[in-house]
Amino acid sequence: MDMRRVQHEVLVEEWKQLITTCRTSGMSVSRWCRENEIKEGRYYYWLKVIRNEALVKHPNTSGTGMAVFALFLAE
């Protein structure tokens, strides 16, 4: 595995944790991002990356984004 891929995988894992923390915080994404000094656009960028990678890993899971989001929470 090349260094860029390793870095990407590390970032994906970090963002999975951040997104999970946000989702379980009870706050809106906007408020959580403000309070954690994270740009909201960055949050949504990584959410999209993670969802897309989950779809590639599990192509038979179609439908709502929540099903895909649940997949990455289970990994």
PDB file of N, CA and C in Angstrom:
ATOM      1  N   MET A   1       0.857  -1.173   0.000  1.00  0.00           N
ATOM      2  CA  MET A   1       0.000   0.000   0.000  1.00  0.00           C
ATOM      3  C   MET A   1       0.906   1.241   0.000  1.00  0.00           C
ATOM      4  N   ASP A   2       0.618   2.169  -0.881  1.00  0.00           N
ATOM      5  CA  ASP A   2       1.463   3.365  -0.932  1.00  0.00           C
ATOM      6  C   ASP A   2       1.116   4.342   0.188  1.00  0.00           C
ATOM      7  N   MET A   3       2.010   5.302   0.403  1.00  0.00           N
ATOM      8  CA  MET A   3       1.878   6.238   1.528  1.00  0.00           C
ATOM      9  C   MET A   3       0.599   7.084   1.435  1.00  0.00           C
ATOM     10  N   ARG A   4       0.224   7.497   0.227  1.00  0.00           N
ATOM     11  CA  ARG A   4      -0.995   8.305   0.082  1.00  0.00           C
ATOM     12  C   ARG A   4      -2.223   7.519   0.507  1.00  0.00           C
ATOM     13  N   ARG A   5      -2.249   6.258   0.157  1.00  0.00           N
ATOM     14  CA  ARG A   5      -3.399   5.413   0.517  1.00  0.00           C
ATOM     15  C   ARG A   5      -3.453   5.222   2.037  1.00  0.00           C
ATOM     16  N   VAL A   6      -2.287   5.031   2.639  1.00  0.00           N
ATOM     17  CA  VAL A   6      -2.229   4.868   4.088  1.00  0.00           C
ATOM     18  C   VAL A   6      -2.731   6.137   4.772  1.00  0.00           C
ATOM     19  N   GLN A   7      -2.270   7.293   4.301  1.00  0.00           N
ATOM     20  CA  GLN A   7      -2.726   8.569   4.867  1.00  0.00           C
ATOM     21  C   GLN A   7      -4.233   8.720   4.717  1.00  0.00           C
ATOM     22  N   HIS A   8      -4.734   8.347   3.550  1.00  0.00           N
ATOM     23  CA  HIS A   8      -6.176   8.442   3.298  1.00  0.00           C
ATOM     24  C   HIS A   8      -6.939   7.558   4.285  1.00  0.00           C
ATOM     25  N   GLU A   9      -6.483   6.336   4.471  1.00  0.00           N
ATOM     26  CA  GLU A   9      -7.159   5.416   5.387  1.00  0.00           C
ATOM     27  C   GLU A   9      -7.150   5.955   6.818  1.00  0.00           C
ATOM     28  N   VAL A  10      -6.054   6.575   7.226  1.00  0.00           N
ATOM     29  CA  VAL A  10      -5.975   7.165   8.566  1.00  0.00           C
ATOM     30  C   VAL A  10      -7.000   8.286   8.697  1.00  0.00           C
ATOM     31  N   LEU A  11      -7.069   9.153   7.691  1.00  0.00           N
ATOM     32  CA  LEU A  11      -8.036  10.250   7.715  1.00  0.00           C
ATOM     33  C   LEU A  11      -9.474   9.736   7.714  1.00  0.00           C
ATOM     34  N   VAL A  12      -9.737   8.707   6.944  1.00  0.00           N
ATOM     35  CA  VAL A  12     -11.084   8.126   6.909  1.00  0.00           C
ATOM     36  C   VAL A  12     -11.469   7.636   8.305  1.00  0.00           C
ATOM     37  N   GLU A  13     -10.562   6.954   8.971  1.00  0.00           N
ATOM     38  CA  GLU A  13     -10.865   6.463  10.316  1.00  0.00           C
ATOM     39  C   GLU A  13     -11.092   7.607  11.293  1.00  0.00           C
ATOM     40  N   GLU A  14     -10.268   8.656  11.199  1.00  0.00           N
ATOM     41  CA  GLU A  14     -10.450   9.825  12.071  1.00  0.00           C
ATOM     42  C   GLU A  14     -11.802  10.476  11.832  1.00  0.00           C
ATOM     43  N   TRP A  15     -12.169  10.626  10.553  1.00  0.00           N
ATOM     44  CA  TRP A  15     -13.436  11.273  10.240  1.00  0.00           C
ATOM     45  C   TRP A  15     -14.630  10.397  10.580  1.00  0.00           C
ATOM     46  N   LYS A  16     -14.493   9.097  10.482  1.00  0.00           N
ATOM     47  CA  LYS A  16     -15.581   8.215  10.928  1.00  0.00           C
ATOM     48  C   LYS A  16     -15.872   8.472  12.404  1.00  0.00           C
ATOM     49  N   GLN A  17     -14.812   8.591  13.189  1.00  0.00           N
ATOM     50  CA  GLN A  17     -14.992   8.849  14.621  1.00  0.00           C
ATOM     51  C   GLN A  17     -15.624  10.221  14.856  1.00  0.00           C
ATOM     52  N   LEU A  18     -15.139  11.235  14.123  1.00  0.00           N
ATOM     53  CA  LEU A  18     -15.698  12.582  14.287  1.00  0.00           C
ATOM     54  C   LEU A  18     -17.170  12.630  13.898  1.00  0.00           C
ATOM     55  N   ILE A  19     -17.508  12.009  12.786  1.00  0.00           N
ATOM     56  CA  ILE A  19     -18.896  12.007  12.313  1.00  0.00           C
ATOM     57  C   ILE A  19     -19.790  11.260  13.294  1.00  0.00           C
ATOM     58  N   THR A  20     -19.304  10.151  13.805  1.00  0.00           N
ATOM     59  CA  THR A  20     -20.068   9.399  14.793  1.00  0.00           C
ATOM     60  C   THR A  20     -20.278  10.228  16.049  1.00  0.00           C
ATOM     61  N   THR A  21     -19.241  10.916  16.482  1.00  0.00           N
ATOM     62  CA  THR A  21     -19.341  11.787  17.661  1.00  0.00           C
ATOM     63  C   THR A  21     -20.368  12.884  17.422  1.00  0.00           C
ATOM     64  N   CYS A  22     -20.325  13.477  16.246  1.00  0.00           N
ATOM     65  CA  CYS A  22     -21.293  14.524  15.905  1.00  0.00           C
ATOM     66  C   CYS A  22     -22.709  13.960  15.922  1.00  0.00           C
ATOM     67  N   ARG A  23     -22.902  12.824  15.269  1.00  0.00           N
ATOM     68  CA  ARG A  23     -24.235  12.234  15.151  1.00  0.00           C
ATOM     69  C   ARG A  23     -24.820  11.853  16.505  1.00  0.00           C
ATOM     70  N   THR A  24     -23.969  11.471  17.434  1.00  0.00           N
ATOM     71  CA  THR A  24     -24.460  11.033  18.746  1.00  0.00           C
ATOM     72  C   THR A  24     -24.475  12.165  19.774  1.00  0.00           C
ATOM     73  N   SER A  25     -24.057  13.354  19.365  1.00  0.00           N
ATOM     74  CA  SER A  25     -23.969  14.481  20.297  1.00  0.00           C
ATOM     75  C   SER A  25     -25.324  15.106  20.617  1.00  0.00           C
ATOM     76  N   GLY A  26     -26.295  14.893  19.739  1.00  0.00           N
ATOM     77  CA  GLY A  26     -27.595  15.526  19.921  1.00  0.00           C
ATOM     78  C   GLY A  26     -27.636  16.948  19.381  1.00  0.00           C
ATOM     79  N   MET A  27     -26.526  17.427  18.877  1.00  0.00           N
ATOM     80  CA  MET A  27     -26.455  18.779  18.309  1.00  0.00           C
ATOM     81  C   MET A  27     -26.653  18.713  16.804  1.00  0.00           C
ATOM     82  N   SER A  28     -27.012  19.854  16.238  1.00  0.00           N
ATOM     83  CA  SER A  28     -27.048  19.942  14.779  1.00  0.00           C
ATOM     84  C   SER A  28     -25.609  19.891  14.274  1.00  0.00           C
ATOM     85  N   VAL A  29     -25.448  19.502  13.026  1.00  0.00           N
ATOM     86  CA  VAL A  29     -24.110  19.469  12.432  1.00  0.00           C
ATOM     87  C   VAL A  29     -23.482  20.853  12.490  1.00  0.00           C
ATOM     88  N   SER A  30     -24.261  21.848  12.164  1.00  0.00           N
ATOM     89  CA  SER A  30     -23.758  23.219  12.169  1.00  0.00           C
ATOM     90  C   SER A  30     -23.210  23.616  13.538  1.00  0.00           C
ATOM     91  N   ARG A  31     -23.991  23.361  14.570  1.00  0.00           N
ATOM     92  CA  ARG A  31     -23.569  23.733  15.925  1.00  0.00           C
ATOM     93  C   ARG A  31     -22.354  22.919  16.362  1.00  0.00           C
ATOM     94  N   TRP A  32     -22.401  21.602  16.111  1.00  0.00           N
ATOM     95  CA  TRP A  32     -21.290  20.744  16.505  1.00  0.00           C
ATOM     96  C   TRP A  32     -19.994  21.178  15.818  1.00  0.00           C
ATOM     97  N   CYS A  33     -20.082  21.477  14.541  1.00  0.00           N
ATOM     98  CA  CYS A  33     -18.887  21.929  13.807  1.00  0.00           C
ATOM     99  C   CYS A  33     -18.350  23.231  14.397  1.00  0.00           C
ATOM    100  N   ARG A  34     -19.248  24.170  14.681  1.00  0.00           N
ATOM    101  CA  ARG A  34     -18.810  25.436  15.290  1.00  0.00           C
ATOM    102  C   ARG A  34     -18.098  25.198  16.612  1.00  0.00           C
ATOM    103  N   GLU A  35     -18.712  24.383  17.453  1.00  0.00           N
ATOM    104  CA  GLU A  35     -18.157  24.143  18.777  1.00  0.00           C
ATOM    105  C   GLU A  35     -16.853  23.352  18.744  1.00  0.00           C
ATOM    106  N   ASN A  36     -16.627  22.615  17.661  1.00  0.00           N
ATOM    107  CA  ASN A  36     -15.412  21.817  17.541  1.00  0.00           C
ATOM    108  C   ASN A  36     -14.417  22.408  16.545  1.00  0.00           C
ATOM    109  N   GLU A  37     -14.712  23.639  16.106  1.00  0.00           N
ATOM    110  CA  GLU A  37     -13.845  24.382  15.180  1.00  0.00           C
ATOM    111  C   GLU A  37     -13.505  23.572  13.926  1.00  0.00           C
ATOM    112  N   ILE A  38     -14.555  22.985  13.372  1.00  0.00           N
ATOM    113  CA  ILE A  38     -14.442  22.230  12.130  1.00  0.00           C
ATOM    114  C   ILE A  38     -15.314  22.917  11.100  1.00  0.00           C
ATOM    115  N   LYS A  39     -14.755  23.130   9.918  1.00  0.00           N
ATOM    116  CA  LYS A  39     -15.546  23.743   8.856  1.00  0.00           C
ATOM    117  C   LYS A  39     -16.625  22.760   8.416  1.00  0.00           C
ATOM    118  N   GLU A  40     -17.839  23.270   8.356  1.00  0.00           N
ATOM    119  CA  GLU A  40     -18.976  22.420   8.005  1.00  0.00           C
ATOM    120  C   GLU A  40     -18.786  21.772   6.638  1.00  0.00           C
ATOM    121  N   GLY A  41     -18.218  22.498   5.707  1.00  0.00           N
ATOM    122  CA  GLY A  41     -17.958  21.951   4.379  1.00  0.00           C
ATOM    123  C   GLY A  41     -17.007  20.769   4.430  1.00  0.00           C
ATOM    124  N   ARG A  42     -16.038  20.827   5.327  1.00  0.00           N
ATOM    125  CA  ARG A  42     -15.078  19.725   5.503  1.00  0.00           C
ATOM    126  C   ARG A  42     -15.801  18.497   6.058  1.00  0.00           C
ATOM    127  N   TYR A  43     -16.694  18.715   7.006  1.00  0.00           N
ATOM    128  CA  TYR A  43     -17.486  17.627   7.572  1.00  0.00           C
ATOM    129  C   TYR A  43     -18.262  16.908   6.459  1.00  0.00           C
ATOM    130  N   TYR A  44     -18.972  17.691   5.648  1.00  0.00           N
ATOM    131  CA  TYR A  44     -19.788  17.085   4.594  1.00  0.00           C
ATOM    132  C   TYR A  44     -18.934  16.449   3.503  1.00  0.00           C
ATOM    133  N   TYR A  45     -17.760  17.002   3.241  1.00  0.00           N
ATOM    134  CA  TYR A  45     -16.840  16.401   2.270  1.00  0.00           C
ATOM    135  C   TYR A  45     -16.480  14.982   2.727  1.00  0.00           C
ATOM    136  N   TRP A  46     -16.067  14.836   3.990  1.00  0.00           N
ATOM    137  CA  TRP A  46     -15.655  13.530   4.500  1.00  0.00           C
ATOM    138  C   TRP A  46     -16.840  12.580   4.635  1.00  0.00           C
ATOM    139  N   LEU A  47     -18.001  13.102   4.964  1.00  0.00           N
ATOM    140  CA  LEU A  47     -19.191  12.252   5.011  1.00  0.00           C
ATOM    141  C   LEU A  47     -19.445  11.644   3.628  1.00  0.00           C
ATOM    142  N   LYS A  48     -19.302  12.463   2.602  1.00  0.00           N
ATOM    143  CA  LYS A  48     -19.493  11.989   1.228  1.00  0.00           C
ATOM    144  C   LYS A  48     -18.435  10.948   0.860  1.00  0.00           C
ATOM    145  N   VAL A  49     -17.182  11.205   1.196  1.00  0.00           N
ATOM    146  CA  VAL A  49     -16.101  10.256   0.907  1.00  0.00           C
ATOM    147  C   VAL A  49     -16.395   8.913   1.572  1.00  0.00           C
ATOM    148  N   ILE A  50     -16.770   8.953   2.834  1.00  0.00           N
ATOM    149  CA  ILE A  50     -17.017   7.722   3.586  1.00  0.00           C
ATOM    150  C   ILE A  50     -18.221   6.975   3.034  1.00  0.00           C
ATOM    151  N   ARG A  51     -19.265   7.697   2.710  1.00  0.00           N
ATOM    152  CA  ARG A  51     -20.453   7.046   2.123  1.00  0.00           C
ATOM    153  C   ARG A  51     -20.110   6.413   0.784  1.00  0.00           C
ATOM    154  N   ASN A  52     -19.358   7.131  -0.050  1.00  0.00           N
ATOM    155  CA  ASN A  52     -18.989   6.586  -1.364  1.00  0.00           C
ATOM    156  C   ASN A  52     -18.130   5.339  -1.222  1.00  0.00           C
ATOM    157  N   GLU A  53     -17.194   5.351  -0.280  1.00  0.00           N
ATOM    158  CA  GLU A  53     -16.359   4.173  -0.068  1.00  0.00           C
ATOM    159  C   GLU A  53     -17.186   3.004   0.468  1.00  0.00           C
ATOM    160  N   ALA A  54     -18.167   3.293   1.303  1.00  0.00           N
ATOM    161  CA  ALA A  54     -19.038   2.237   1.811  1.00  0.00           C
ATOM    162  C   ALA A  54     -19.844   1.624   0.670  1.00  0.00           C
ATOM    163  N   LEU A  55     -20.269   2.453  -0.277  1.00  0.00           N
ATOM    164  CA  LEU A  55     -21.019   1.936  -1.432  1.00  0.00           C
ATOM    165  C   LEU A  55     -20.145   1.044  -2.295  1.00  0.00           C
ATOM    166  N   VAL A  56     -18.876   1.401  -2.442  1.00  0.00           N
ATOM    167  CA  VAL A  56     -17.955   0.587  -3.232  1.00  0.00           C
ATOM    168  C   VAL A  56     -17.722  -0.757  -2.538  1.00  0.00           C
ATOM    169  N   LYS A  57     -17.578  -0.727  -1.214  1.00  0.00           N
ATOM    170  CA  LYS A  57     -17.354  -1.963  -0.459  1.00  0.00           C
ATOM    171  C   LYS A  57     -18.600  -2.829  -0.394  1.00  0.00           C
ATOM    172  N   HIS A  58     -19.776  -2.200  -0.395  1.00  0.00           N
ATOM    173  CA  HIS A  58     -21.050  -2.907  -0.242  1.00  0.00           C
ATOM    174  C   HIS A  58     -22.020  -2.456  -1.333  1.00  0.00           C
ATOM    175  N   PRO A  59     -21.751  -2.819  -2.585  1.00  0.00           N
ATOM    176  CA  PRO A  59     -22.570  -2.308  -3.697  1.00  0.00           C
ATOM    177  C   PRO A  59     -24.032  -2.744  -3.682  1.00  0.00           C
ATOM    178  N   ASN A  60     -24.374  -3.795  -2.971  1.00  0.00           N
ATOM    179  CA  ASN A  60     -25.764  -4.260  -2.938  1.00  0.00           C
ATOM    180  C   ASN A  60     -26.622  -3.461  -1.970  1.00  0.00           C
ATOM    181  N   THR A  61     -26.023  -2.524  -1.261  1.00  0.00           N
ATOM    182  CA  THR A  61     -26.767  -1.691  -0.324  1.00  0.00           C
ATOM    183  C   THR A  61     -27.157  -0.418  -1.049  1.00  0.00           C
ATOM    184  N   SER A  62     -28.392  -0.348  -1.457  1.00  0.00           N
ATOM    185  CA  SER A  62     -28.866   0.855  -2.135  1.00  0.00           C
ATOM    186  C   SER A  62     -29.985   1.457  -1.314  1.00  0.00           C
ATOM    187  N   GLY A  63     -30.379   2.639  -1.684  1.00  0.00           N
ATOM    188  CA  GLY A  63     -31.454   3.294  -0.950  1.00  0.00           C
ATOM    189  C   GLY A  63     -30.948   4.561  -0.315  1.00  0.00           C
ATOM    190  N   THR A  64     -31.296   4.761   0.922  1.00  0.00           N
ATOM    191  CA  THR A  64     -30.951   6.008   1.581  1.00  0.00           C
ATOM    192  C   THR A  64     -29.501   6.044   2.005  1.00  0.00           C
ATOM    193  N   GLY A  65     -29.002   7.235   2.204  1.00  0.00           N
ATOM    194  CA  GLY A  65     -27.655   7.426   2.717  1.00  0.00           C
ATOM    195  C   GLY A  65     -27.508   6.881   4.115  1.00  0.00           C
ATOM    196  N   MET A  66     -28.613   6.816   4.858  1.00  0.00           N
ATOM    197  CA  MET A  66     -28.539   6.328   6.232  1.00  0.00           C
ATOM    198  C   MET A  66     -28.132   4.862   6.274  1.00  0.00           C
ATOM    199  N   ALA A  67     -28.572   4.072   5.312  1.00  0.00           N
ATOM    200  CA  ALA A  67     -28.154   2.674   5.277  1.00  0.00           C
ATOM    201  C   ALA A  67     -26.658   2.572   5.084  1.00  0.00           C
ATOM    202  N   VAL A  68     -26.114   3.409   4.223  1.00  0.00           N
ATOM    203  CA  VAL A  68     -24.677   3.421   3.979  1.00  0.00           C
ATOM    204  C   VAL A  68     -23.968   3.947   5.219  1.00  0.00           C
ATOM    205  N   PHE A  69     -24.506   4.987   5.833  1.00  0.00           N
ATOM    206  CA  PHE A  69     -23.900   5.533   7.046  1.00  0.00           C
ATOM    207  C   PHE A  69     -23.860   4.457   8.122  1.00  0.00           C
ATOM    208  N   ALA A  70     -24.914   3.688   8.243  1.00  0.00           N
ATOM    209  CA  ALA A  70     -24.963   2.618   9.236  1.00  0.00           C
ATOM    210  C   ALA A  70     -23.905   1.576   8.943  1.00  0.00           C
ATOM    211  N   LEU A  71     -23.626   1.310   7.690  1.00  0.00           N
ATOM    212  CA  LEU A  71     -22.578   0.360   7.324  1.00  0.00           C
ATOM    213  C   LEU A  71     -21.231   0.807   7.860  1.00  0.00           C
ATOM    214  N   PHE A  72     -20.905   2.075   7.683  1.00  0.00           N
ATOM    215  CA  PHE A  72     -19.584   2.493   8.139  1.00  0.00           C
ATOM    216  C   PHE A  72     -19.525   2.539   9.661  1.00  0.00           C
ATOM    217  N   LEU A  73     -20.647   2.731  10.322  1.00  0.00           N
ATOM    218  CA  LEU A  73     -20.633   2.690  11.783  1.00  0.00           C
ATOM    219  C   LEU A  73     -20.364   1.284  12.277  1.00  0.00           C
ATOM    220  N   ALA A  74     -20.803   0.289  11.522  1.00  0.00           N
ATOM    221  CA  ALA A  74     -20.648  -1.098  11.944  1.00  0.00           C
ATOM    222  C   ALA A  74     -19.246  -1.636  11.688  1.00  0.00           C
ATOM    223  N   GLU A  75     -18.495  -1.001  10.804  1.00  0.00           N
ATOM    224  CA  GLU A  75     -17.158  -1.506  10.461  1.00  0.00           C
ATOM    225  C   GLU A  75     -16.157  -1.250  11.540  1.00  0.00           C
TER     226      GLU A  75
END
